[in-house]
Amino acid sequence: MAEEGARVLLGVRGMDTETSRSAVEQALREVRGVRRAEASSDLQVAVEYDAAEVTVMDLIRALRRIGFLAGME
């Protein structure tokens, strides 16, 4: 059984403006199972999510759909 409360730190290429950080946060918050997404100016986004509902690859795919490349830090 998957751990329900999970956290991951993703590195996101090209997330270097406030607008892009907001877009990344919004895209992740729209993924079912994401509880919190907080992007920082150092090209990272911290995500809290329910691992029973969503995987890290789901999060990465959500960012790819809006034009960002992401990976685990």
N, C-alpha and C. Protein backbone atom coordinates (compact mmCIF):
# COMPACT_ATOMS: atom_id res chain seq x y z
N MET A 1 0.84 -1.19 0.00
CA MET A 1 0.00 0.00 0.00
C MET A 1 0.88 1.25 0.00
N ALA A 2 0.54 2.20 -0.82
CA ALA A 2 1.34 3.42 -0.96
C ALA A 2 1.17 4.34 0.25
N GLU A 3 2.22 5.05 0.56
CA GLU A 3 2.17 6.05 1.61
C GLU A 3 1.30 7.20 1.12
N GLU A 4 0.34 7.62 1.95
CA GLU A 4 -0.60 8.62 1.47
C GLU A 4 -0.02 10.02 1.44
N GLY A 5 0.58 10.49 2.52
CA GLY A 5 1.11 11.85 2.54
C GLY A 5 2.55 11.86 2.06
N ALA A 6 2.79 12.29 0.84
CA ALA A 6 4.13 12.28 0.28
C ALA A 6 4.56 13.69 -0.09
N ARG A 7 5.88 13.87 -0.19
CA ARG A 7 6.46 15.16 -0.60
C ARG A 7 7.56 14.89 -1.60
N VAL A 8 7.70 15.81 -2.54
CA VAL A 8 8.78 15.70 -3.51
C VAL A 8 9.24 17.11 -3.87
N LEU A 9 10.51 17.23 -4.17
CA LEU A 9 11.09 18.48 -4.65
C LEU A 9 11.47 18.25 -6.10
N LEU A 10 10.85 19.02 -6.99
CA LEU A 10 11.12 18.90 -8.42
C LEU A 10 11.92 20.10 -8.90
N GLY A 11 12.91 19.83 -9.73
CA GLY A 11 13.62 20.90 -10.42
C GLY A 11 12.88 21.17 -11.72
N VAL A 12 12.66 22.45 -12.04
CA VAL A 12 11.88 22.80 -13.23
C VAL A 12 12.68 23.77 -14.08
N ARG A 13 13.05 23.34 -15.28
CA ARG A 13 13.80 24.21 -16.20
C ARG A 13 12.90 25.30 -16.76
N GLY A 14 13.43 26.51 -16.81
CA GLY A 14 12.71 27.63 -17.42
C GLY A 14 11.72 28.33 -16.51
N MET A 15 11.66 27.92 -15.26
CA MET A 15 10.72 28.54 -14.32
C MET A 15 11.42 29.72 -13.64
N ASP A 16 11.75 30.74 -14.44
CA ASP A 16 12.59 31.81 -13.92
C ASP A 16 11.89 33.16 -13.77
N THR A 17 10.57 33.18 -13.90
CA THR A 17 9.81 34.42 -13.68
C THR A 17 8.65 34.14 -12.74
N GLU A 18 8.10 35.18 -12.17
CA GLU A 18 6.94 35.01 -11.29
C GLU A 18 5.77 34.40 -12.06
N THR A 19 5.60 34.81 -13.31
CA THR A 19 4.52 34.26 -14.15
C THR A 19 4.69 32.77 -14.36
N SER A 20 5.90 32.35 -14.64
CA SER A 20 6.14 30.92 -14.87
C SER A 20 5.99 30.13 -13.57
N ARG A 21 6.42 30.69 -12.45
CA ARG A 21 6.24 30.01 -11.17
C ARG A 21 4.76 29.84 -10.86
N SER A 22 3.97 30.87 -11.12
CA SER A 22 2.53 30.78 -10.89
C SER A 22 1.89 29.73 -11.79
N ALA A 23 2.32 29.67 -13.04
CA ALA A 23 1.78 28.67 -13.98
C ALA A 23 2.11 27.26 -13.51
N VAL A 24 3.32 27.04 -13.03
CA VAL A 24 3.73 25.74 -12.53
C VAL A 24 2.90 25.34 -11.32
N GLU A 25 2.77 26.26 -10.37
CA GLU A 25 1.96 25.98 -9.17
C GLU A 25 0.52 25.64 -9.55
N GLN A 26 -0.05 26.43 -10.43
CA GLN A 26 -1.44 26.21 -10.85
C GLN A 26 -1.61 24.86 -11.53
N ALA A 27 -0.71 24.52 -12.43
CA ALA A 27 -0.80 23.24 -13.14
C ALA A 27 -0.73 22.06 -12.17
N LEU A 28 0.14 22.16 -11.18
CA LEU A 28 0.27 21.08 -10.21
C LEU A 28 -0.94 21.00 -9.29
N ARG A 29 -1.45 22.15 -8.87
CA ARG A 29 -2.62 22.15 -7.99
C ARG A 29 -3.86 21.57 -8.66
N GLU A 30 -3.89 21.59 -9.98
CA GLU A 30 -5.03 21.03 -10.71
C GLU A 30 -4.97 19.52 -10.83
N VAL A 31 -3.83 18.92 -10.48
CA VAL A 31 -3.69 17.47 -10.53
C VAL A 31 -4.39 16.88 -9.31
N ARG A 32 -5.27 15.93 -9.57
CA ARG A 32 -5.99 15.29 -8.47
C ARG A 32 -5.01 14.62 -7.51
N GLY A 33 -5.15 14.91 -6.23
CA GLY A 33 -4.28 14.33 -5.22
C GLY A 33 -3.20 15.29 -4.72
N VAL A 34 -2.99 16.40 -5.43
CA VAL A 34 -1.99 17.38 -4.98
C VAL A 34 -2.61 18.25 -3.89
N ARG A 35 -1.92 18.34 -2.78
CA ARG A 35 -2.41 19.14 -1.65
C ARG A 35 -1.79 20.54 -1.63
N ARG A 36 -0.51 20.60 -2.06
CA ARG A 36 0.19 21.89 -2.04
C ARG A 36 1.30 21.87 -3.06
N ALA A 37 1.50 23.01 -3.70
CA ALA A 37 2.63 23.18 -4.63
C ALA A 37 3.17 24.57 -4.42
N GLU A 38 4.46 24.66 -4.11
CA GLU A 38 5.08 25.95 -3.84
C GLU A 38 6.38 26.07 -4.61
N ALA A 39 6.39 26.94 -5.61
CA ALA A 39 7.56 27.15 -6.44
C ALA A 39 8.45 28.23 -5.83
N SER A 40 9.75 28.07 -6.02
CA SER A 40 10.72 29.05 -5.51
C SER A 40 11.53 29.62 -6.67
N SER A 41 12.24 30.69 -6.38
CA SER A 41 13.03 31.35 -7.42
C SER A 41 14.29 30.57 -7.79
N ASP A 42 14.58 29.48 -7.08
CA ASP A 42 15.76 28.68 -7.41
C ASP A 42 15.42 27.49 -8.31
N LEU A 43 14.35 27.64 -9.11
CA LEU A 43 13.93 26.66 -10.11
C LEU A 43 13.50 25.33 -9.51
N GLN A 44 12.93 25.39 -8.30
CA GLN A 44 12.42 24.20 -7.66
C GLN A 44 10.98 24.41 -7.23
N VAL A 45 10.24 23.31 -7.18
CA VAL A 45 8.86 23.36 -6.68
C VAL A 45 8.69 22.21 -5.69
N ALA A 46 8.21 22.55 -4.50
CA ALA A 46 7.92 21.56 -3.47
C ALA A 46 6.45 21.18 -3.61
N VAL A 47 6.20 19.87 -3.66
CA VAL A 47 4.84 19.39 -3.85
C VAL A 47 4.48 18.40 -2.74
N GLU A 48 3.33 18.62 -2.12
CA GLU A 48 2.77 17.66 -1.17
C GLU A 48 1.58 17.03 -1.86
N TYR A 49 1.52 15.70 -1.82
CA TYR A 49 0.47 15.01 -2.57
C TYR A 49 0.10 13.70 -1.90
N ASP A 50 -1.01 13.14 -2.33
CA ASP A 50 -1.49 11.85 -1.85
C ASP A 50 -0.97 10.79 -2.80
N ALA A 51 -0.01 9.99 -2.34
CA ALA A 51 0.62 8.98 -3.19
C ALA A 51 -0.34 7.87 -3.59
N ALA A 52 -1.48 7.78 -2.95
CA ALA A 52 -2.48 6.79 -3.36
C ALA A 52 -3.25 7.26 -4.59
N GLU A 53 -3.17 8.55 -4.90
CA GLU A 53 -3.91 9.12 -6.03
C GLU A 53 -3.03 9.55 -7.20
N VAL A 54 -1.79 9.91 -6.94
CA VAL A 54 -0.94 10.50 -7.97
C VAL A 54 0.50 10.05 -7.78
N THR A 55 1.24 9.94 -8.90
CA THR A 55 2.66 9.57 -8.83
C THR A 55 3.51 10.79 -9.21
N VAL A 56 4.80 10.67 -8.95
CA VAL A 56 5.72 11.74 -9.33
C VAL A 56 5.69 11.91 -10.86
N MET A 57 5.61 10.82 -11.59
CA MET A 57 5.54 10.93 -13.05
C MET A 57 4.29 11.69 -13.49
N ASP A 58 3.19 11.55 -12.79
CA ASP A 58 1.99 12.33 -13.11
C ASP A 58 2.27 13.82 -12.95
N LEU A 59 3.02 14.18 -11.92
CA LEU A 59 3.36 15.58 -11.68
C LEU A 59 4.26 16.10 -12.80
N ILE A 60 5.25 15.31 -13.17
CA ILE A 60 6.17 15.69 -14.24
C ILE A 60 5.41 15.84 -15.56
N ARG A 61 4.49 14.93 -15.83
CA ARG A 61 3.69 15.02 -17.07
C ARG A 61 2.83 16.27 -17.08
N ALA A 62 2.28 16.64 -15.94
CA ALA A 62 1.46 17.86 -15.87
C ALA A 62 2.28 19.08 -16.24
N LEU A 63 3.55 19.10 -15.84
CA LEU A 63 4.42 20.23 -16.17
C LEU A 63 4.85 20.18 -17.64
N ARG A 64 5.06 18.99 -18.16
CA ARG A 64 5.40 18.87 -19.59
C ARG A 64 4.27 19.41 -20.46
N ARG A 65 3.03 19.16 -20.04
CA ARG A 65 1.88 19.62 -20.83
C ARG A 65 1.84 21.13 -20.96
N ILE A 66 2.43 21.85 -20.01
CA ILE A 66 2.44 23.31 -20.13
C ILE A 66 3.81 23.84 -20.57
N GLY A 67 4.67 22.93 -21.02
CA GLY A 67 5.92 23.35 -21.64
C GLY A 67 7.15 23.41 -20.77
N PHE A 68 7.13 22.78 -19.59
CA PHE A 68 8.28 22.78 -18.70
C PHE A 68 8.87 21.39 -18.56
N LEU A 69 10.18 21.30 -18.49
CA LEU A 69 10.86 20.05 -18.21
C LEU A 69 11.14 20.00 -16.72
N ALA A 70 10.83 18.87 -16.10
CA ALA A 70 11.01 18.74 -14.66
C ALA A 70 11.60 17.40 -14.33
N GLY A 71 12.25 17.32 -13.16
CA GLY A 71 12.81 16.07 -12.66
C GLY A 71 13.01 16.16 -11.17
N MET A 72 13.23 15.00 -10.56
CA MET A 72 13.43 14.96 -9.11
C MET A 72 14.78 15.54 -8.75
N GLU A 73 14.79 16.27 -7.67
CA GLU A 73 16.04 16.87 -7.15
C GLU A 73 16.68 15.93 -6.17
